[in-house]
Amino acid sequence: MKLRVVLDTNVVLNAVKALSSLDDLRPVGRSPLPSEGQRLESLLVLALAVFGCKVEPVAGPALLGEYRSHLRRLEGRCGSVPNLLKMLKDECRVVEPREDFVRACQKAHPKNDPADAEHAAVCIQEGAKLVSLDVHFRGMAYELERRGMSLEVYDPYRFLLAVSR
């Protein structure tokens, strides 16, 4: 059985940066500038997802929209972006999250972000792991646990360790 995973946009963008050496690519969200190691780890996580190795990528509509909007800005500088978008769309199982999960996740988010709440809600609903460089998801996981919900959050390195076992 494959491990379900939601790849946050910052992981996908770091993977593209590792592939294309786009040094002026700005991070998404509040994550710090990624190190070279984080870029390569993100690339490996993305490769696992798009090639169907050990993991099944899942995404809500908001996350697919983020992939499209952020990656399309890079089309002129990285020729493989259209192919990557197609692969992500083809490989991701799109899930419409339950509203009660989305509301609970919005309450647990430090800034009540609806897109991040949807990402977390999809994870809870599908039993998926969230791979992200955004540290606020760990705080959300703690808040959600207090409410009886489970959100597992990994950075790319820890996710690769978990998958390799």
N, C-alpha and C. Protein backbone atom coordinates (compact mmCIF):
# COMPACT_ATOMS: atom_id res chain seq x y z
N MET A 1 0.84 -1.19 0.00
CA MET A 1 0.00 0.00 0.00
C MET A 1 0.89 1.25 0.00
N LYS A 2 0.53 2.19 -0.84
CA LYS A 2 1.31 3.42 -0.94
C LYS A 2 0.94 4.38 0.18
N LEU A 3 1.91 5.15 0.58
CA LEU A 3 1.75 6.18 1.60
C LEU A 3 1.13 7.42 0.95
N ARG A 4 0.03 7.90 1.50
CA ARG A 4 -0.60 9.11 0.96
C ARG A 4 0.16 10.34 1.44
N VAL A 5 0.34 11.29 0.52
CA VAL A 5 1.13 12.48 0.86
C VAL A 5 0.54 13.71 0.18
N VAL A 6 0.55 14.82 0.91
CA VAL A 6 0.21 16.13 0.36
C VAL A 6 1.51 16.93 0.33
N LEU A 7 1.91 17.37 -0.86
CA LEU A 7 3.14 18.15 -1.01
C LEU A 7 2.78 19.63 -1.04
N ASP A 8 3.23 20.34 -0.02
CA ASP A 8 2.99 21.78 0.02
C ASP A 8 3.72 22.44 -1.15
N THR A 9 3.22 23.57 -1.57
CA THR A 9 3.77 24.27 -2.72
C THR A 9 5.26 24.58 -2.54
N ASN A 10 5.68 24.90 -1.33
CA ASN A 10 7.10 25.26 -1.13
C ASN A 10 8.02 24.07 -1.43
N VAL A 11 7.56 22.86 -1.22
CA VAL A 11 8.37 21.68 -1.54
C VAL A 11 8.50 21.53 -3.06
N VAL A 12 7.40 21.73 -3.76
CA VAL A 12 7.43 21.63 -5.23
C VAL A 12 8.32 22.72 -5.81
N LEU A 13 8.20 23.96 -5.32
CA LEU A 13 9.04 25.04 -5.84
C LEU A 13 10.51 24.82 -5.52
N ASN A 14 10.82 24.29 -4.36
CA ASN A 14 12.22 23.99 -4.04
C ASN A 14 12.77 22.91 -4.96
N ALA A 15 11.93 21.95 -5.32
CA ALA A 15 12.36 20.91 -6.25
C ALA A 15 12.66 21.50 -7.61
N VAL A 16 11.80 22.41 -8.08
CA VAL A 16 12.03 23.07 -9.37
C VAL A 16 13.32 23.88 -9.30
N LYS A 17 13.54 24.53 -8.18
CA LYS A 17 14.77 25.31 -8.02
C LYS A 17 16.00 24.41 -8.08
N ALA A 18 15.91 23.23 -7.48
CA ALA A 18 17.03 22.29 -7.53
C ALA A 18 17.28 21.82 -8.96
N LEU A 19 16.22 21.64 -9.72
CA LEU A 19 16.35 21.19 -11.11
C LEU A 19 16.92 22.27 -12.02
N SER A 20 16.56 23.51 -11.76
CA SER A 20 16.84 24.55 -12.74
C SER A 20 17.80 25.63 -12.28
N SER A 21 18.26 25.56 -11.05
CA SER A 21 19.17 26.57 -10.50
C SER A 21 18.60 27.97 -10.62
N LEU A 22 17.34 28.13 -10.29
CA LEU A 22 16.72 29.45 -10.31
C LEU A 22 16.99 30.13 -8.97
N ASP A 23 18.13 30.76 -8.85
CA ASP A 23 18.55 31.31 -7.57
C ASP A 23 17.69 32.46 -7.08
N ASP A 24 16.98 33.12 -7.98
CA ASP A 24 16.16 34.25 -7.54
C ASP A 24 14.73 33.83 -7.20
N LEU A 25 14.46 32.53 -7.17
CA LEU A 25 13.13 32.04 -6.81
C LEU A 25 12.88 32.33 -5.34
N ARG A 26 11.81 33.06 -5.06
CA ARG A 26 11.51 33.39 -3.67
C ARG A 26 10.73 32.28 -3.01
N PRO A 27 10.92 32.09 -1.69
CA PRO A 27 10.16 31.05 -1.01
C PRO A 27 8.68 31.41 -0.93
N VAL A 28 7.84 30.39 -0.84
CA VAL A 28 6.40 30.59 -0.69
C VAL A 28 6.08 30.53 0.79
N GLY A 29 5.19 31.37 1.25
CA GLY A 29 4.79 31.33 2.65
C GLY A 29 5.84 31.97 3.54
N ARG A 30 5.90 31.51 4.73
CA ARG A 30 6.80 32.08 5.72
C ARG A 30 8.02 31.20 5.95
N SER A 31 8.30 30.31 5.04
CA SER A 31 9.44 29.44 5.25
C SER A 31 10.74 30.20 5.00
N PRO A 32 11.79 29.83 5.71
CA PRO A 32 13.08 30.48 5.49
C PRO A 32 13.63 30.10 4.12
N LEU A 33 14.63 30.84 3.68
CA LEU A 33 15.26 30.47 2.42
C LEU A 33 15.79 29.05 2.52
N PRO A 34 15.50 28.21 1.54
CA PRO A 34 15.91 26.82 1.62
C PRO A 34 17.41 26.65 1.39
N SER A 35 17.97 25.70 2.09
CA SER A 35 19.36 25.36 1.87
C SER A 35 19.46 24.47 0.64
N GLU A 36 20.66 24.26 0.15
CA GLU A 36 20.84 23.37 -0.99
C GLU A 36 20.35 21.96 -0.65
N GLY A 37 20.59 21.53 0.59
CA GLY A 37 20.12 20.21 1.02
C GLY A 37 18.60 20.12 0.98
N GLN A 38 17.92 21.17 1.43
CA GLN A 38 16.46 21.17 1.40
C GLN A 38 15.94 21.13 -0.04
N ARG A 39 16.64 21.78 -0.93
CA ARG A 39 16.22 21.74 -2.34
C ARG A 39 16.32 20.32 -2.89
N LEU A 40 17.42 19.66 -2.61
CA LEU A 40 17.60 18.30 -3.11
C LEU A 40 16.62 17.33 -2.45
N GLU A 41 16.39 17.50 -1.15
CA GLU A 41 15.41 16.66 -0.47
C GLU A 41 14.02 16.88 -1.05
N SER A 42 13.68 18.14 -1.34
CA SER A 42 12.39 18.45 -1.96
C SER A 42 12.29 17.79 -3.33
N LEU A 43 13.37 17.81 -4.08
CA LEU A 43 13.39 17.19 -5.40
C LEU A 43 13.14 15.69 -5.29
N LEU A 44 13.76 15.04 -4.34
CA LEU A 44 13.55 13.59 -4.16
C LEU A 44 12.12 13.28 -3.77
N VAL A 45 11.54 14.09 -2.88
CA VAL A 45 10.15 13.88 -2.48
C VAL A 45 9.23 14.05 -3.69
N LEU A 46 9.46 15.10 -4.48
CA LEU A 46 8.65 15.32 -5.67
C LEU A 46 8.79 14.16 -6.65
N ALA A 47 10.00 13.67 -6.83
CA ALA A 47 10.22 12.54 -7.75
C ALA A 47 9.44 11.31 -7.27
N LEU A 48 9.45 11.05 -5.99
CA LEU A 48 8.67 9.92 -5.46
C LEU A 48 7.20 10.08 -5.81
N ALA A 49 6.70 11.30 -5.69
CA ALA A 49 5.28 11.55 -5.93
C ALA A 49 4.90 11.44 -7.40
N VAL A 50 5.65 12.09 -8.28
CA VAL A 50 5.23 12.12 -9.68
C VAL A 50 5.53 10.81 -10.40
N PHE A 51 6.44 10.02 -9.89
CA PHE A 51 6.72 8.74 -10.53
C PHE A 51 6.02 7.57 -9.83
N GLY A 52 5.18 7.88 -8.84
CA GLY A 52 4.37 6.85 -8.19
C GLY A 52 5.16 5.85 -7.37
N CYS A 53 6.32 6.22 -6.89
CA CYS A 53 7.16 5.32 -6.10
C CYS A 53 6.83 5.45 -4.62
N LYS A 54 6.23 4.46 -4.06
CA LYS A 54 5.96 4.36 -2.63
C LYS A 54 4.93 5.33 -2.10
N VAL A 55 4.60 6.37 -2.83
CA VAL A 55 3.66 7.36 -2.31
C VAL A 55 2.55 7.63 -3.32
N GLU A 56 1.40 8.03 -2.78
CA GLU A 56 0.27 8.46 -3.59
C GLU A 56 0.00 9.92 -3.26
N PRO A 57 0.29 10.83 -4.19
CA PRO A 57 0.03 12.25 -3.89
C PRO A 57 -1.47 12.55 -3.93
N VAL A 58 -1.90 13.30 -2.94
CA VAL A 58 -3.28 13.77 -2.87
C VAL A 58 -3.26 15.28 -2.74
N ALA A 59 -4.29 15.93 -3.24
CA ALA A 59 -4.35 17.39 -3.16
C ALA A 59 -5.79 17.83 -3.21
N GLY A 60 -6.04 18.96 -2.58
CA GLY A 60 -7.33 19.62 -2.71
C GLY A 60 -7.27 20.59 -3.87
N PRO A 61 -8.40 21.12 -4.26
CA PRO A 61 -8.43 22.09 -5.37
C PRO A 61 -7.54 23.31 -5.13
N ALA A 62 -7.47 23.79 -3.91
CA ALA A 62 -6.65 24.98 -3.62
C ALA A 62 -5.17 24.70 -3.87
N LEU A 63 -4.70 23.52 -3.50
CA LEU A 63 -3.29 23.19 -3.68
C LEU A 63 -2.95 23.06 -5.17
N LEU A 64 -3.82 22.44 -5.94
CA LEU A 64 -3.57 22.36 -7.38
C LEU A 64 -3.54 23.76 -7.99
N GLY A 65 -4.39 24.64 -7.49
CA GLY A 65 -4.37 26.04 -7.95
C GLY A 65 -3.07 26.73 -7.60
N GLU A 66 -2.55 26.47 -6.40
CA GLU A 66 -1.25 27.04 -6.00
C GLU A 66 -0.15 26.52 -6.90
N TYR A 67 -0.14 25.22 -7.16
CA TYR A 67 0.88 24.66 -8.06
C TYR A 67 0.85 25.40 -9.39
N ARG A 68 -0.36 25.53 -9.97
CA ARG A 68 -0.50 26.19 -11.27
C ARG A 68 0.00 27.63 -11.24
N SER A 69 -0.49 28.40 -10.26
CA SER A 69 -0.15 29.83 -10.26
C SER A 69 1.33 30.08 -9.99
N HIS A 70 1.92 29.35 -9.07
CA HIS A 70 3.33 29.58 -8.75
C HIS A 70 4.26 29.03 -9.83
N LEU A 71 3.93 27.87 -10.38
CA LEU A 71 4.80 27.28 -11.38
C LEU A 71 4.68 27.98 -12.74
N ARG A 72 3.52 28.48 -13.06
CA ARG A 72 3.36 29.16 -14.35
C ARG A 72 4.22 30.41 -14.45
N ARG A 73 4.49 31.04 -13.31
CA ARG A 73 5.37 32.22 -13.32
C ARG A 73 6.78 31.85 -13.75
N LEU A 74 7.12 30.57 -13.68
CA LEU A 74 8.48 30.12 -14.00
C LEU A 74 8.61 29.56 -15.40
N GLU A 75 7.52 29.49 -16.15
CA GLU A 75 7.54 28.81 -17.46
C GLU A 75 8.62 29.34 -18.39
N GLY A 76 8.83 30.64 -18.43
CA GLY A 76 9.83 31.20 -19.33
C GLY A 76 11.25 30.89 -18.92
N ARG A 77 11.47 30.56 -17.66
CA ARG A 77 12.82 30.32 -17.16
C ARG A 77 13.13 28.84 -16.97
N CYS A 78 12.11 28.02 -16.97
CA CYS A 78 12.33 26.59 -16.76
C CYS A 78 11.37 25.85 -17.70
N GLY A 79 11.91 25.30 -18.77
CA GLY A 79 11.10 24.70 -19.81
C GLY A 79 10.30 23.48 -19.39
N SER A 80 10.68 22.82 -18.30
CA SER A 80 9.99 21.60 -17.89
C SER A 80 8.74 21.87 -17.04
N VAL A 81 8.44 23.13 -16.76
CA VAL A 81 7.29 23.46 -15.90
C VAL A 81 5.97 22.92 -16.46
N PRO A 82 5.66 23.10 -17.75
CA PRO A 82 4.39 22.54 -18.23
C PRO A 82 4.29 21.03 -18.04
N ASN A 83 5.40 20.34 -18.29
CA ASN A 83 5.41 18.88 -18.09
C ASN A 83 5.21 18.52 -16.62
N LEU A 84 5.86 19.27 -15.74
CA LEU A 84 5.71 19.02 -14.31
C LEU A 84 4.28 19.26 -13.86
N LEU A 85 3.67 20.34 -14.33
CA LEU A 85 2.28 20.60 -13.99
C LEU A 85 1.36 19.47 -14.46
N LYS A 86 1.60 18.97 -15.66
CA LYS A 86 0.80 17.87 -16.18
C LYS A 86 1.00 16.62 -15.33
N MET A 87 2.25 16.32 -14.98
CA MET A 87 2.54 15.14 -14.16
C MET A 87 1.86 15.26 -12.79
N LEU A 88 1.94 16.43 -12.18
CA LEU A 88 1.30 16.61 -10.88
C LEU A 88 -0.22 16.43 -11.00
N LYS A 89 -0.79 17.01 -12.02
CA LYS A 89 -2.24 16.89 -12.22
C LYS A 89 -2.63 15.44 -12.46
N ASP A 90 -1.84 14.74 -13.27
CA ASP A 90 -2.14 13.33 -13.59
C ASP A 90 -1.95 12.42 -12.39
N GLU A 91 -0.95 12.68 -11.58
CA GLU A 91 -0.62 11.77 -10.47
C GLU A 91 -1.40 12.06 -9.19
N CYS A 92 -1.76 13.32 -8.97
CA CYS A 92 -2.46 13.67 -7.72
C CYS A 92 -3.91 13.21 -7.77
N ARG A 93 -4.32 12.58 -6.72
CA ARG A 93 -5.74 12.27 -6.56
C ARG A 93 -6.36 13.51 -5.91
N VAL A 94 -7.30 14.12 -6.60
CA VAL A 94 -7.90 15.36 -6.11
C VAL A 94 -9.05 15.01 -5.18
N VAL A 95 -9.03 15.63 -4.01
CA VAL A 95 -10.01 15.36 -2.97
C VAL A 95 -10.66 16.67 -2.54
N GLU A 96 -11.96 16.66 -2.48
CA GLU A 96 -12.70 17.81 -1.94
C GLU A 96 -12.82 17.60 -0.43
N PRO A 97 -12.17 18.44 0.37
CA PRO A 97 -12.17 18.20 1.82
C PRO A 97 -13.52 18.51 2.46
N ARG A 98 -13.80 17.80 3.52
CA ARG A 98 -15.03 18.04 4.28
C ARG A 98 -14.96 19.41 4.94
N GLU A 99 -16.08 20.10 4.92
CA GLU A 99 -16.15 21.46 5.48
C GLU A 99 -15.84 21.49 6.98
N ASP A 100 -16.28 20.47 7.74
CA ASP A 100 -16.00 20.49 9.17
C ASP A 100 -14.50 20.38 9.44
N PHE A 101 -13.78 19.62 8.62
CA PHE A 101 -12.33 19.53 8.77
C PHE A 101 -11.68 20.86 8.40
N VAL A 102 -12.15 21.48 7.33
CA VAL A 102 -11.58 22.77 6.90
C VAL A 102 -11.78 23.81 8.00
N ARG A 103 -12.98 23.88 8.58
CA ARG A 103 -13.24 24.86 9.64
C ARG A 103 -12.34 24.61 10.86
N ALA A 104 -12.19 23.35 11.24
CA ALA A 104 -11.33 23.03 12.39
C ALA A 104 -9.88 23.43 12.11
N CYS A 105 -9.43 23.20 10.90
CA CYS A 105 -8.06 23.54 10.53
C CYS A 105 -7.86 25.06 10.44
N GLN A 106 -8.88 25.79 9.99
CA GLN A 106 -8.76 27.25 9.95
C GLN A 106 -8.63 27.80 11.36
N LYS A 107 -9.39 27.23 12.30
CA LYS A 107 -9.31 27.69 13.69
C LYS A 107 -7.94 27.40 14.29
N ALA A 108 -7.30 26.32 13.84
CA ALA A 108 -6.00 25.93 14.37
C ALA A 108 -4.85 26.69 13.69
N HIS A 109 -5.12 27.33 12.55
CA HIS A 109 -4.07 28.04 11.82
C HIS A 109 -3.81 29.39 12.48
N PRO A 110 -2.54 29.77 12.64
CA PRO A 110 -2.24 31.04 13.32
C PRO A 110 -2.83 32.27 12.62
N LYS A 111 -3.04 32.20 11.30
CA LYS A 111 -3.59 33.35 10.58
C LYS A 111 -4.88 33.01 9.86
N ASN A 112 -5.50 31.89 10.21
CA ASN A 112 -6.80 31.51 9.66
C ASN A 112 -6.76 31.39 8.13
N ASP A 113 -5.63 30.90 7.59
CA ASP A 113 -5.42 30.81 6.14
C ASP A 113 -6.29 29.70 5.53
N PRO A 114 -7.21 30.05 4.62
CA PRO A 114 -8.10 29.03 4.07
C PRO A 114 -7.40 27.98 3.21
N ALA A 115 -6.37 28.37 2.44
CA ALA A 115 -5.67 27.40 1.59
C ALA A 115 -4.90 26.39 2.45
N ASP A 116 -4.15 26.88 3.44
CA ASP A 116 -3.43 25.97 4.33
C ASP A 116 -4.40 25.08 5.11
N ALA A 117 -5.55 25.65 5.48
CA ALA A 117 -6.56 24.86 6.18
C ALA A 117 -7.06 23.73 5.28
N GLU A 118 -7.23 24.02 4.00
CA GLU A 118 -7.65 22.96 3.07
C GLU A 118 -6.59 21.88 2.95
N HIS A 119 -5.32 22.27 2.86
CA HIS A 119 -4.24 21.27 2.76
C HIS A 119 -4.29 20.33 3.97
N ALA A 120 -4.39 20.93 5.15
CA ALA A 120 -4.42 20.12 6.38
C ALA A 120 -5.68 19.26 6.44
N ALA A 121 -6.82 19.81 6.02
CA ALA A 121 -8.08 19.05 6.04
C ALA A 121 -8.01 17.84 5.12
N VAL A 122 -7.40 18.00 3.96
CA VAL A 122 -7.23 16.87 3.05
C VAL A 122 -6.40 15.78 3.72
N CYS A 123 -5.34 16.19 4.41
CA CYS A 123 -4.49 15.21 5.11
C CYS A 123 -5.29 14.45 6.16
N ILE A 124 -6.06 15.16 6.95
CA ILE A 124 -6.85 14.52 8.00
C ILE A 124 -7.86 13.57 7.39
N GLN A 125 -8.56 14.03 6.38
CA GLN A 125 -9.61 13.23 5.74
C GLN A 125 -9.05 11.97 5.09
N GLU A 126 -7.89 12.08 4.45
CA GLU A 126 -7.33 10.97 3.68
C GLU A 126 -6.25 10.18 4.43
N GLY A 127 -5.93 10.60 5.65
CA GLY A 127 -4.85 9.93 6.38
C GLY A 127 -3.50 10.13 5.71
N ALA A 128 -3.32 11.29 5.10
CA ALA A 128 -2.09 11.60 4.36
C ALA A 128 -1.10 12.35 5.24
N LYS A 129 0.16 12.23 4.90
CA LYS A 129 1.23 12.99 5.55
C LYS A 129 1.38 14.30 4.79
N LEU A 130 1.60 15.39 5.51
CA LEU A 130 1.84 16.69 4.89
C LEU A 130 3.34 16.95 4.88
N VAL A 131 3.89 17.19 3.70
CA VAL A 131 5.32 17.51 3.57
C VAL A 131 5.41 18.99 3.24
N SER A 132 6.03 19.73 4.14
CA SER A 132 6.10 21.18 4.01
C SER A 132 7.33 21.72 4.72
N LEU A 133 7.77 22.88 4.26
CA LEU A 133 8.83 23.61 4.96
C LEU A 133 8.26 24.68 5.89
N ASP A 134 6.94 24.87 5.87
CA ASP A 134 6.31 25.87 6.72
C ASP A 134 6.18 25.34 8.15
N VAL A 135 6.78 26.06 9.08
CA VAL A 135 6.80 25.60 10.47
C VAL A 135 5.45 25.76 11.16
N HIS A 136 4.58 26.63 10.67
CA HIS A 136 3.30 26.82 11.35
C HIS A 136 2.42 25.57 11.30
N PHE A 137 2.67 24.67 10.36
CA PHE A 137 1.87 23.45 10.31
C PHE A 137 2.10 22.57 11.55
N ARG A 138 3.28 22.65 12.13
CA ARG A 138 3.54 21.87 13.36
C ARG A 138 2.67 22.39 14.50
N GLY A 139 2.53 23.71 14.59
CA GLY A 139 1.65 24.29 15.59
C GLY A 139 0.20 23.92 15.34
N MET A 140 -0.19 23.90 14.08
CA MET A 140 -1.54 23.46 13.73
C MET A 140 -1.77 22.02 14.16
N ALA A 141 -0.78 21.17 13.91
CA ALA A 141 -0.90 19.75 14.28
C ALA A 141 -1.13 19.61 15.77
N TYR A 142 -0.41 20.40 16.55
CA TYR A 142 -0.57 20.35 18.00
C TYR A 142 -1.98 20.78 18.40
N GLU A 143 -2.45 21.89 17.83
CA GLU A 143 -3.81 22.37 18.13
C GLU A 143 -4.87 21.36 17.72
N LEU A 144 -4.70 20.77 16.56
CA LEU A 144 -5.68 19.80 16.07
C LEU A 144 -5.68 18.54 16.94
N GLU A 145 -4.50 18.13 17.40
CA GLU A 145 -4.41 16.96 18.29
C GLU A 145 -5.20 17.20 19.57
N ARG A 146 -5.14 18.42 20.08
CA ARG A 146 -5.90 18.76 21.28
C ARG A 146 -7.41 18.62 21.03
N ARG A 147 -7.81 18.71 19.77
CA ARG A 147 -9.23 18.59 19.40
C ARG A 147 -9.58 17.20 18.89
N GLY A 148 -8.65 16.27 19.03
CA GLY A 148 -8.91 14.88 18.65
C GLY A 148 -8.67 14.56 17.19
N MET A 149 -7.94 15.41 16.47
CA MET A 149 -7.64 15.17 15.06
C MET A 149 -6.14 14.97 14.90
N SER A 150 -5.77 14.20 13.90
CA SER A 150 -4.36 13.90 13.70
C SER A 150 -3.86 14.47 12.37
N LEU A 151 -2.85 15.32 12.45
CA LEU A 151 -2.18 15.87 11.28
C LEU A 151 -0.69 15.58 11.44
N GLU A 152 -0.16 14.74 10.53
CA GLU A 152 1.26 14.41 10.57
C GLU A 152 1.99 15.32 9.58
N VAL A 153 2.97 16.07 10.10
CA VAL A 153 3.70 17.04 9.29
C VAL A 153 5.18 16.65 9.26
N TYR A 154 5.74 16.65 8.07
CA TYR A 154 7.15 16.31 7.88
C TYR A 154 7.81 17.39 7.04
N ASP A 155 9.08 17.65 7.31
CA ASP A 155 9.87 18.40 6.34
C ASP A 155 10.38 17.35 5.34
N PRO A 156 10.89 17.75 4.18
CA PRO A 156 11.30 16.76 3.19
C PRO A 156 12.30 15.73 3.70
N TYR A 157 13.27 16.15 4.50
CA TYR A 157 14.28 15.22 5.01
C TYR A 157 13.65 14.14 5.88
N ARG A 158 12.82 14.55 6.84
CA ARG A 158 12.19 13.56 7.73
C ARG A 158 11.22 12.66 6.96
N PHE A 159 10.58 13.21 5.94
CA PHE A 159 9.69 12.38 5.13
C PHE A 159 10.49 11.30 4.39
N LEU A 160 11.63 11.70 3.81
CA LEU A 160 12.46 10.72 3.11
C LEU A 160 12.93 9.63 4.07
N LEU A 161 13.27 9.99 5.29
CA LEU A 161 13.65 8.98 6.28
C LEU A 161 12.51 8.02 6.56
N ALA A 162 11.31 8.56 6.72
CA ALA A 162 10.13 7.73 7.01
C ALA A 162 9.82 6.79 5.84
N VAL A 163 9.94 7.27 4.62
CA VAL A 163 9.65 6.45 3.44
C VAL A 163 10.70 5.36 3.24
N SER A 164 11.93 5.64 3.63
CA SER A 164 13.01 4.68 3.39
C SER A 164 12.99 3.50 4.36
N ARG A 165 12.17 3.57 5.38
CA ARG A 165 12.12 2.47 6.36
C ARG A 165 11.27 1.34 5.87
